[in-house]
C-alpha atoms as a PDB file:
ATOM      1  CA  MET A   1      -5.155-101.403  -2.601  1.00  0.00           C
ATOM      2  CA  LYS A   2      -8.009-101.038  -0.112  1.00  0.00           C
ATOM      3  CA  ILE A   3      -9.352 -97.487  -0.252  1.00  0.00           C
ATOM      4  CA  ILE A   4     -12.158 -95.898   1.776  1.00  0.00           C
ATOM      5  CA  ILE A   5     -13.789 -92.745   0.406  1.00  0.00           C
ATOM      6  CA  VAL A   6     -15.889 -90.611   2.753  1.00  0.00           C
ATOM      7  CA  GLY A   7     -18.418 -88.412   0.960  1.00  0.00           C
ATOM      8  CA  LEU A   8     -20.305 -89.331  -2.196  1.00  0.00           C
ATOM      9  CA  GLY A   9     -20.701 -85.934  -3.791  1.00  0.00           C
ATOM     10  CA  LYS A  10     -19.376 -85.316  -7.296  1.00  0.00           C
ATOM     11  CA  VAL A  11     -15.740 -85.566  -6.203  1.00  0.00           C
ATOM     12  CA  GLY A  12     -16.288 -88.709  -4.150  1.00  0.00           C
ATOM     13  CA  GLN A  13     -18.233 -90.407  -6.934  1.00  0.00           C
ATOM     14  CA  THR A  14     -15.595 -89.537  -9.526  1.00  0.00           C
ATOM     15  CA  LEU A  15     -12.796 -90.796  -7.288  1.00  0.00           C
ATOM     16  CA  ALA A  16     -14.627 -94.028  -6.520  1.00  0.00           C
ATOM     17  CA  SER A  17     -15.483 -94.777 -10.144  1.00  0.00           C
ATOM     18  CA  GLU A  18     -11.953 -94.017 -11.410  1.00  0.00           C
ATOM     19  CA  LEU A  19     -10.177 -95.881  -8.610  1.00  0.00           C
ATOM     20  CA  SER A  20     -12.450 -98.915  -9.008  1.00  0.00           C
ATOM     21  CA  LYS A  21     -11.374 -99.162 -12.673  1.00  0.00           C
ATOM     22  CA  GLU A  22      -7.786 -99.601 -11.466  1.00  0.00           C
ATOM     23  CA  ASP A  23      -8.661-102.821  -9.638  1.00  0.00           C
ATOM     24  CA  ASN A  24      -8.711-101.273  -6.170  1.00  0.00           C
ATOM     25  CA  ASP A  25     -10.979-102.500  -3.379  1.00  0.00           C
ATOM     26  CA  ILE A  26     -13.216 -99.454  -2.802  1.00  0.00           C
ATOM     27  CA  THR A  27     -15.547 -98.761   0.123  1.00  0.00           C
ATOM     28  CA  VAL A  28     -17.633 -95.585   0.234  1.00  0.00           C
ATOM     29  CA  ILE A  29     -19.194 -93.945   3.280  1.00  0.00           C
ATOM     30  CA  ASP A  30     -22.037 -91.416   3.154  1.00  0.00           C
ATOM     31  CA  ASN A  31     -25.095 -90.477   5.236  1.00  0.00           C
ATOM     32  CA  ARG A  32     -27.487 -90.685   2.279  1.00  0.00           C
ATOM     33  CA  GLU A  33     -28.752 -94.246   2.035  1.00  0.00           C
ATOM     34  CA  SER A  34     -30.157 -94.015  -1.500  1.00  0.00           C
ATOM     35  CA  VAL A  35     -26.953 -92.493  -2.899  1.00  0.00           C
ATOM     36  CA  VAL A  36     -24.798 -95.180  -1.282  1.00  0.00           C
ATOM     37  CA  GLN A  37     -27.024 -98.041  -2.466  1.00  0.00           C
ATOM     38  CA  ASP A  38     -27.320 -96.753  -6.039  1.00  0.00           C
ATOM     39  CA  PHE A  39     -23.621 -96.050  -6.366  1.00  0.00           C
ATOM     40  CA  ALA A  40     -22.478 -99.293  -4.724  1.00  0.00           C
ATOM     41  CA  SER A  41     -24.644-101.423  -7.017  1.00  0.00           C
ATOM     42  CA  GLN A  42     -23.642 -99.465 -10.119  1.00  0.00           C
ATOM     43  CA  TYR A  43     -19.868 -99.813  -9.558  1.00  0.00           C
ATOM     44  CA  ASP A  44     -19.621-103.103  -7.642  1.00  0.00           C
ATOM     45  CA  ILE A  45     -18.108-101.495  -4.558  1.00  0.00           C
ATOM     46  CA  MET A  46     -18.945-101.751  -0.881  1.00  0.00           C
ATOM     47  CA  GLY A  47     -21.119 -99.014   0.606  1.00  0.00           C
ATOM     48  CA  VAL A  48     -21.519 -98.070   4.252  1.00  0.00           C
ATOM     49  CA  ILE A  49     -24.300 -95.747   5.369  1.00  0.00           C
ATOM     50  CA  GLY A  50     -23.321 -93.467   8.228  1.00  0.00           C
ATOM     51  CA  ASN A  51     -21.161 -90.653   9.508  1.00  0.00           C
ATOM     52  CA  GLY A  52     -17.598 -91.005   8.192  1.00  0.00           C
ATOM     53  CA  SER A  53     -16.159 -89.408  11.309  1.00  0.00           C
ATOM     54  CA  SER A  54     -17.700 -92.095  13.509  1.00  0.00           C
ATOM     55  CA  TYR A  55     -15.269 -94.725  14.783  1.00  0.00           C
ATOM     56  CA  SER A  56     -17.888 -97.467  14.499  1.00  0.00           C
ATOM     57  CA  THR A  57     -18.749 -96.486  10.910  1.00  0.00           C
ATOM     58  CA  GLN A  58     -15.085 -96.564   9.933  1.00  0.00           C
ATOM     59  CA  MET A  59     -14.675 -99.951  11.626  1.00  0.00           C
ATOM     60  CA  GLU A  60     -17.687-101.238   9.660  1.00  0.00           C
ATOM     61  CA  ALA A  61     -16.020 -99.967   6.485  1.00  0.00           C
ATOM     62  CA  GLY A  62     -12.861-101.907   7.332  1.00  0.00           C
ATOM     63  CA  ILE A  63     -10.492 -99.141   8.394  1.00  0.00           C
ATOM     64  CA  GLU A  64      -8.185-101.610  10.151  1.00  0.00           C
ATOM     65  CA  ALA A  65      -7.281-103.220   6.818  1.00  0.00           C
ATOM     66  CA  ALA A  66      -7.417-100.056   4.691  1.00  0.00           C
ATOM     67  CA  ASP A  67      -4.369 -98.654   2.937  1.00  0.00           C
ATOM     68  CA  LEU A  68      -5.883 -95.220   2.302  1.00  0.00           C
ATOM     69  CA  LEU A  69      -8.811 -93.076   3.454  1.00  0.00           C
ATOM     70  CA  ILE A  70      -9.861 -90.097   1.324  1.00  0.00           C
ATOM     71  CA  ALA A  71     -12.279 -87.628   2.944  1.00  0.00           C
ATOM     72  CA  VAL A  72     -14.089 -85.385   0.444  1.00  0.00           C
ATOM     73  CA  THR A  73     -17.292 -84.326   2.194  1.00  0.00           C
ATOM     74  CA  GLY A  74     -18.564 -80.756   1.994  1.00  0.00           C
ATOM     75  CA  SER A  75     -17.141 -79.935   5.432  1.00  0.00           C
ATOM     76  CA  ASP A  76     -13.419 -79.304   5.954  1.00  0.00           C
ATOM     77  CA  GLU A  77     -13.630 -80.025   9.663  1.00  0.00           C
ATOM     78  CA  LEU A  78     -15.460 -83.299   9.054  1.00  0.00           C
ATOM     79  CA  ASN A  79     -12.816 -84.306   6.492  1.00  0.00           C
ATOM     80  CA  LEU A  80     -10.027 -83.595   8.967  1.00  0.00           C
ATOM     81  CA  LEU A  81     -11.807 -85.468  11.756  1.00  0.00           C
ATOM     82  CA  CYS A  82     -12.387 -88.461   9.459  1.00  0.00           C
ATOM     83  CA  CYS A  83      -8.673 -88.553   8.663  1.00  0.00           C
ATOM     84  CA  LEU A  84      -7.648 -88.189  12.299  1.00  0.00           C
ATOM     85  CA  ILE A  85      -9.875 -91.076  13.390  1.00  0.00           C
ATOM     86  CA  ALA A  86      -8.709 -93.214  10.448  1.00  0.00           C
ATOM     87  CA  LYS A  87      -5.078 -92.548  11.297  1.00  0.00           C
ATOM     88  CA  LYS A  88      -5.617 -93.612  14.909  1.00  0.00           C
ATOM     89  CA  ALA A  89      -7.968 -96.550  14.228  1.00  0.00           C
ATOM     90  CA  GLY A  90      -6.316 -98.033  11.173  1.00  0.00           C
ATOM     91  CA  ASN A  91      -2.922 -96.387  10.827  1.00  0.00           C
ATOM     92  CA  CYS A  92      -3.530 -95.925   7.101  1.00  0.00           C
ATOM     93  CA  HIS A  93      -2.569 -93.049   4.807  1.00  0.00           C
ATOM     94  CA  THR A  94      -5.107 -90.235   4.738  1.00  0.00           C
ATOM     95  CA  ILE A  95      -6.057 -87.473   2.309  1.00  0.00           C
ATOM     96  CA  ALA A  96      -8.395 -84.599   3.209  1.00  0.00           C
ATOM     97  CA  ARG A  97     -10.054 -82.008   1.014  1.00  0.00           C
ATOM     98  CA  VAL A  98      -9.796 -78.627   2.755  1.00  0.00           C
ATOM     99  CA  ARG A  99     -11.387 -75.726   0.893  1.00  0.00           C
ATOM    100  CA  THR A 100     -11.723 -72.931   3.466  1.00  0.00           C
ATOM    101  CA  PRO A 101      -9.459 -69.989   2.530  1.00  0.00           C
ATOM    102  CA  GLU A 102      -8.580 -69.332   6.193  1.00  0.00           C
ATOM    103  CA  TYR A 103      -6.849 -72.714   6.339  1.00  0.00           C
ATOM    104  CA  SER A 104      -4.716 -72.079   3.232  1.00  0.00           C
ATOM    105  CA  SER A 105      -1.798 -70.620   5.162  1.00  0.00           C
ATOM    106  CA  GLU A 106      -2.024 -73.442   7.715  1.00  0.00           C
ATOM    107  CA  LEU A 107      -2.156 -76.438   5.359  1.00  0.00           C
ATOM    108  CA  ASN A 108       1.410 -77.555   6.068  1.00  0.00           C
ATOM    109  CA  PHE A 109       0.847 -77.332   9.826  1.00  0.00           C
ATOM    110  CA  ILE A 110      -2.429 -79.269   9.557  1.00  0.00           C
ATOM    111  CA  LYS A 111      -0.819 -81.923   7.376  1.00  0.00           C
ATOM    112  CA  GLU A 112       2.147 -82.395   9.708  1.00  0.00           C
ATOM    113  CA  GLU A 113       0.265 -82.306  13.009  1.00  0.00           C
ATOM    114  CA  LEU A 114      -2.539 -84.639  11.923  1.00  0.00           C
ATOM    115  CA  GLY A 115      -0.199 -86.968  10.049  1.00  0.00           C
ATOM    116  CA  LEU A 116      -2.008 -86.580   6.733  1.00  0.00           C
ATOM    117  CA  ALA A 117      -0.431 -87.899   3.557  1.00  0.00           C
ATOM    118  CA  MET A 118      -1.955 -85.047   1.574  1.00  0.00           C
ATOM    119  CA  VAL A 119      -4.227 -82.035   1.935  1.00  0.00           C
ATOM    120  CA  ILE A 120      -6.041 -80.956  -1.208  1.00  0.00           C
ATOM    121  CA  ASN A 121      -7.459 -77.482  -1.760  1.00  0.00           C
ATOM    122  CA  PRO A 122      -9.056 -77.597  -5.241  1.00  0.00           C
ATOM    123  CA  GLU A 123      -9.658 -73.857  -5.483  1.00  0.00           C
ATOM    124  CA  LEU A 124      -6.058 -73.060  -4.546  1.00  0.00           C
ATOM    125  CA  ALA A 125      -4.755 -75.657  -7.009  1.00  0.00           C
ATOM    126  CA  ALA A 126      -6.907 -74.177  -9.787  1.00  0.00           C
ATOM    127  CA  ALA A 127      -5.723 -70.639  -8.959  1.00  0.00           C
ATOM    128  CA  ASP A 128      -2.084 -71.785  -8.990  1.00  0.00           C
ATOM    129  CA  GLU A 129      -2.560 -73.447 -12.363  1.00  0.00           C
ATOM    130  CA  ILE A 130      -4.218 -70.347 -13.831  1.00  0.00           C
ATOM    131  CA  ALA A 131      -1.398 -68.152 -12.492  1.00  0.00           C
ATOM    132  CA  ARG A 132       1.187 -70.507 -14.010  1.00  0.00           C
ATOM    133  CA  VAL A 133      -0.531 -70.343 -17.408  1.00  0.00           C
ATOM    134  CA  LEU A 134      -0.777 -66.544 -17.250  1.00  0.00           C
ATOM    135  CA  LYS A 135       2.870 -66.237 -16.218  1.00  0.00           C
ATOM    136  CA  PHE A 136       3.974 -67.836 -19.499  1.00  0.00           C
ATOM    137  CA  PRO A 137       1.177 -67.022 -21.989  1.00  0.00           C
ATOM    138  CA  SER A 138       3.033 -68.184 -25.105  1.00  0.00           C
ATOM    139  CA  ALA A 139       4.040 -71.553 -23.636  1.00  0.00           C
ATOM    140  CA  ILE A 140       2.240 -74.622 -24.934  1.00  0.00           C
ATOM    141  CA  ASP A 141       2.795 -76.548 -21.717  1.00  0.00           C
ATOM    142  CA  VAL A 142       4.217 -75.769 -18.282  1.00  0.00           C
ATOM    143  CA  ASP A 143       5.395 -78.532 -15.948  1.00  0.00           C
ATOM    144  CA  THR A 144       6.474 -77.681 -12.417  1.00  0.00           C
ATOM    145  CA  PHE A 145       9.134 -79.537 -10.454  1.00  0.00           C
ATOM    146  CA  SER A 146      11.004 -79.287  -7.170  1.00  0.00           C
ATOM    147  CA  LYS A 147       8.121 -77.909  -5.111  1.00  0.00           C
ATOM    148  CA  SER A 148       7.325 -75.168  -7.671  1.00  0.00           C
ATOM    149  CA  ARG A 149      10.903 -73.901  -7.792  1.00  0.00           C
ATOM    150  CA  VAL A 150      11.536 -75.097 -11.382  1.00  0.00           C
ATOM    151  CA  ASP A 151       9.277 -74.668 -14.415  1.00  0.00           C
ATOM    152  CA  LEU A 152       9.826 -76.610 -17.628  1.00  0.00           C
ATOM    153  CA  LEU A 153       8.269 -74.747 -20.552  1.00  0.00           C
ATOM    154  CA  LYS A 154       7.315 -76.104 -23.946  1.00  0.00           C
ATOM    155  CA  PHE A 155       7.188 -73.638 -26.857  1.00  0.00           C
ATOM    156  CA  ARG A 156       6.386 -74.054 -30.534  1.00  0.00           C
ATOM    157  CA  VAL A 157       9.220 -72.803 -32.723  1.00  0.00           C
ATOM    158  CA  LEU A 158       7.925 -71.314 -35.945  1.00  0.00           C
ATOM    159  CA  GLU A 159       9.397 -72.365 -39.247  1.00  0.00           C
ATOM    160  CA  HIS A 160      12.105 -69.962 -40.501  1.00  0.00           C
ATOM    161  CA  SER A 161      12.511 -68.561 -37.004  1.00  0.00           C
ATOM    162  CA  VAL A 162      15.950 -67.734 -35.628  1.00  0.00           C
ATOM    163  CA  LEU A 163      15.530 -70.752 -33.362  1.00  0.00           C
ATOM    164  CA  ASP A 164      14.469 -73.098 -36.179  1.00  0.00           C
ATOM    165  CA  GLU A 165      17.074 -75.809 -36.813  1.00  0.00           C
ATOM    166  CA  MET A 166      19.132 -74.753 -33.763  1.00  0.00           C
ATOM    167  CA  ARG A 167      20.575 -77.451 -31.546  1.00  0.00           C
ATOM    168  CA  ILE A 168      20.291 -77.261 -27.819  1.00  0.00           C
END
Protein backbone atom coordinates (compact mmCIF):
# COMPACT_ATOMS: atom_id res chain seq x y z
CA MET A 1 0.00 0.00 0.00
CA LYS A 2 1.27 3.49 -0.85
CA ILE A 3 0.80 5.76 2.16
CA ILE A 4 1.64 9.45 2.53
CA ILE A 5 2.04 10.85 6.05
CA VAL A 6 1.94 14.63 6.53
CA GLY A 7 3.65 15.80 9.72
CA LEU A 8 6.74 14.25 11.27
CA GLY A 9 6.10 14.91 14.93
CA LYS A 10 6.00 12.02 17.39
CA VAL A 11 2.75 10.64 15.97
CA GLY A 12 3.89 10.93 12.36
CA GLN A 13 7.24 9.32 13.09
CA THR A 14 5.63 6.44 14.98
CA LEU A 15 3.11 5.86 12.20
CA ALA A 16 5.79 5.94 9.52
CA SER A 17 8.14 3.57 11.34
CA GLU A 18 5.37 1.06 12.18
CA LEU A 19 3.76 1.16 8.74
CA SER A 20 7.13 0.77 7.00
CA LYS A 21 7.68 -2.48 8.94
CA GLU A 22 4.52 -3.85 7.31
CA ASP A 23 6.04 -3.56 3.84
CA ASN A 24 4.13 -0.43 2.86
CA ASP A 25 5.53 2.22 0.52
CA ILE A 26 5.76 5.25 2.83
CA THR A 27 6.30 8.90 1.88
CA VAL A 28 6.52 11.59 4.56
CA ILE A 29 5.95 15.32 4.15
CA ASP A 30 7.17 17.97 6.59
CA ASN A 31 8.49 21.55 6.47
CA ARG A 32 11.60 20.75 8.51
CA GLU A 33 14.33 19.66 6.13
CA SER A 34 16.65 18.10 8.72
CA VAL A 35 13.85 16.04 10.28
CA VAL A 36 12.73 14.73 6.89
CA GLN A 37 16.26 13.85 5.77
CA ASP A 38 17.21 12.12 9.04
CA PHE A 39 13.99 10.15 9.22
CA ALA A 40 13.94 9.17 5.54
CA SER A 41 17.49 7.82 5.67
CA GLN A 42 16.91 6.01 8.95
CA TYR A 43 13.78 4.13 7.77
CA ASP A 44 14.38 3.82 4.02
CA ILE A 45 11.31 5.84 3.10
CA MET A 46 10.79 8.74 0.73
CA GLY A 47 10.78 12.23 2.22
CA VAL A 48 9.37 15.41 0.73
CA ILE A 49 10.18 18.80 2.23
CA GLY A 50 7.32 21.27 2.04
CA ASN A 51 3.82 22.23 3.07
CA GLY A 52 1.55 19.17 3.09
CA SER A 53 -1.47 21.25 2.15
CA SER A 54 0.22 22.41 -1.05
CA TYR A 55 -1.03 20.74 -4.23
CA SER A 56 2.45 20.76 -5.76
CA THR A 57 4.00 19.20 -2.64
CA GLN A 58 1.39 16.44 -2.63
CA MET A 59 1.99 15.84 -6.35
CA GLU A 60 5.73 15.57 -5.66
CA ALA A 61 4.94 13.02 -2.95
CA GLY A 62 2.94 10.96 -5.44
CA ILE A 63 -0.63 11.63 -4.34
CA GLU A 64 -2.02 10.43 -7.67
CA ALA A 65 -0.83 6.89 -6.96
CA ALA A 66 -1.39 6.93 -3.19
CA ASP A 67 -3.88 4.65 -1.47
CA LEU A 68 -3.97 6.62 1.78
CA LEU A 69 -2.97 10.03 3.15
CA ILE A 70 -2.70 10.50 6.92
CA ALA A 71 -2.43 14.10 8.16
CA VAL A 72 -1.07 14.40 11.71
CA THR A 73 0.43 17.89 11.91
CA GLY A 74 -0.07 20.08 14.96
CA SER A 75 -2.84 22.05 13.23
CA ASP A 76 -6.35 20.61 12.83
CA GLU A 77 -7.19 22.97 9.99
CA LEU A 78 -3.99 22.08 8.13
CA ASN A 79 -4.77 18.37 8.57
CA LEU A 80 -8.26 18.85 7.15
CA LEU A 81 -6.96 20.93 4.24
CA CYS A 82 -4.31 18.29 3.46
CA CYS A 83 -7.01 15.63 3.34
CA LEU A 84 -9.32 17.74 1.19
CA ILE A 85 -6.59 18.42 -1.37
CA ALA A 86 -5.51 14.76 -1.35
CA LYS A 87 -9.08 13.62 -1.91
CA LYS A 88 -9.46 15.94 -4.90
CA ALA A 89 -5.96 15.44 -6.37
CA GLY A 90 -5.54 11.73 -5.85
CA ASN A 91 -8.93 10.34 -4.88
CA CYS A 92 -7.30 8.31 -2.11
CA HIS A 93 -8.56 7.49 1.38
CA THR A 94 -7.74 10.15 3.96
CA ILE A 95 -7.34 10.25 7.74
CA ALA A 96 -7.06 13.49 9.73
CA ARG A 97 -6.09 14.08 13.34
CA VAL A 98 -8.46 16.68 14.80
CA ARG A 99 -7.81 17.60 18.43
CA THR A 100 -9.73 20.85 19.01
CA PRO A 101 -12.57 20.27 21.51
CA GLU A 102 -14.90 22.62 19.59
CA TYR A 103 -14.84 20.21 16.65
CA SER A 104 -15.74 17.16 18.76
CA SER A 105 -19.48 17.53 18.23
CA GLU A 106 -18.94 18.14 14.51
CA LEU A 107 -16.62 15.21 13.71
CA ASN A 108 -19.28 13.20 11.87
CA PHE A 109 -20.27 16.22 9.78
CA ILE A 110 -16.63 16.98 8.95
CA LYS A 111 -15.95 13.36 8.04
CA GLU A 112 -19.00 13.11 5.78
CA GLU A 113 -18.69 16.49 4.07
CA LEU A 114 -14.96 16.24 3.38
CA GLY A 115 -15.14 12.57 2.41
CA LEU A 116 -12.64 11.46 5.05
CA ALA A 117 -12.19 7.78 5.79
CA MET A 118 -11.52 8.56 9.44
CA VAL A 119 -11.17 11.45 11.87
CA ILE A 120 -9.04 10.78 14.93
CA ASN A 121 -9.26 12.77 18.15
CA PRO A 122 -6.66 11.20 20.48
CA GLU A 123 -7.77 13.07 23.58
CA LEU A 124 -11.41 12.07 23.07
CA ALA A 125 -10.41 8.45 22.42
CA ALA A 126 -8.32 8.40 25.61
CA ALA A 127 -11.19 9.93 27.63
CA ASP A 128 -13.63 7.35 26.23
CA GLU A 129 -11.27 4.52 27.13
CA ILE A 130 -10.79 5.85 30.67
CA ALA A 131 -14.57 6.20 31.09
CA ARG A 132 -15.07 2.63 29.85
CA VAL A 133 -12.52 1.31 32.36
CA LEU A 134 -14.09 3.29 35.21
CA LYS A 135 -17.58 2.10 34.25
CA PHE A 136 -16.57 -1.52 34.91
CA PRO A 137 -13.76 -1.31 37.51
CA SER A 138 -13.63 -5.03 38.29
CA ALA A 139 -13.45 -6.11 34.64
CA ILE A 140 -10.13 -7.40 33.37
CA ASP A 141 -10.87 -6.36 29.80
CA VAL A 142 -13.61 -4.42 28.03
CA ASP A 143 -14.16 -4.72 24.28
CA THR A 144 -16.70 -2.49 22.57
CA PHE A 145 -18.74 -3.46 19.52
CA SER A 146 -21.56 -2.12 17.38
CA LYS A 147 -20.57 1.54 17.58
CA SER A 148 -20.24 1.46 21.40
CA ARG A 149 -23.69 -0.04 21.91
CA VAL A 150 -22.37 -3.43 23.14
CA ASP A 151 -19.63 -4.07 25.70
CA LEU A 152 -18.04 -7.49 26.14
CA LEU A 153 -16.57 -7.80 29.63
CA LYS A 154 -13.95 -10.23 30.85
CA PHE A 155 -13.92 -11.05 34.58
CA ARG A 156 -11.75 -13.34 36.68
CA VAL A 157 -13.84 -15.87 38.58
CA LEU A 158 -12.30 -16.70 41.93
CA GLU A 159 -11.84 -20.29 42.96
CA HIS A 160 -14.68 -21.58 45.18
CA SER A 161 -16.91 -18.75 44.01
CA VAL A 162 -20.58 -19.34 43.27
CA LEU A 163 -19.69 -18.91 39.60
CA ASP A 164 -16.74 -21.34 39.73
CA GLU A 165 -17.41 -24.47 37.65
CA MET A 166 -20.67 -23.02 36.25
CA ARG A 167 -21.42 -23.52 32.58
CA ILE A 168 -22.61 -20.70 30.44
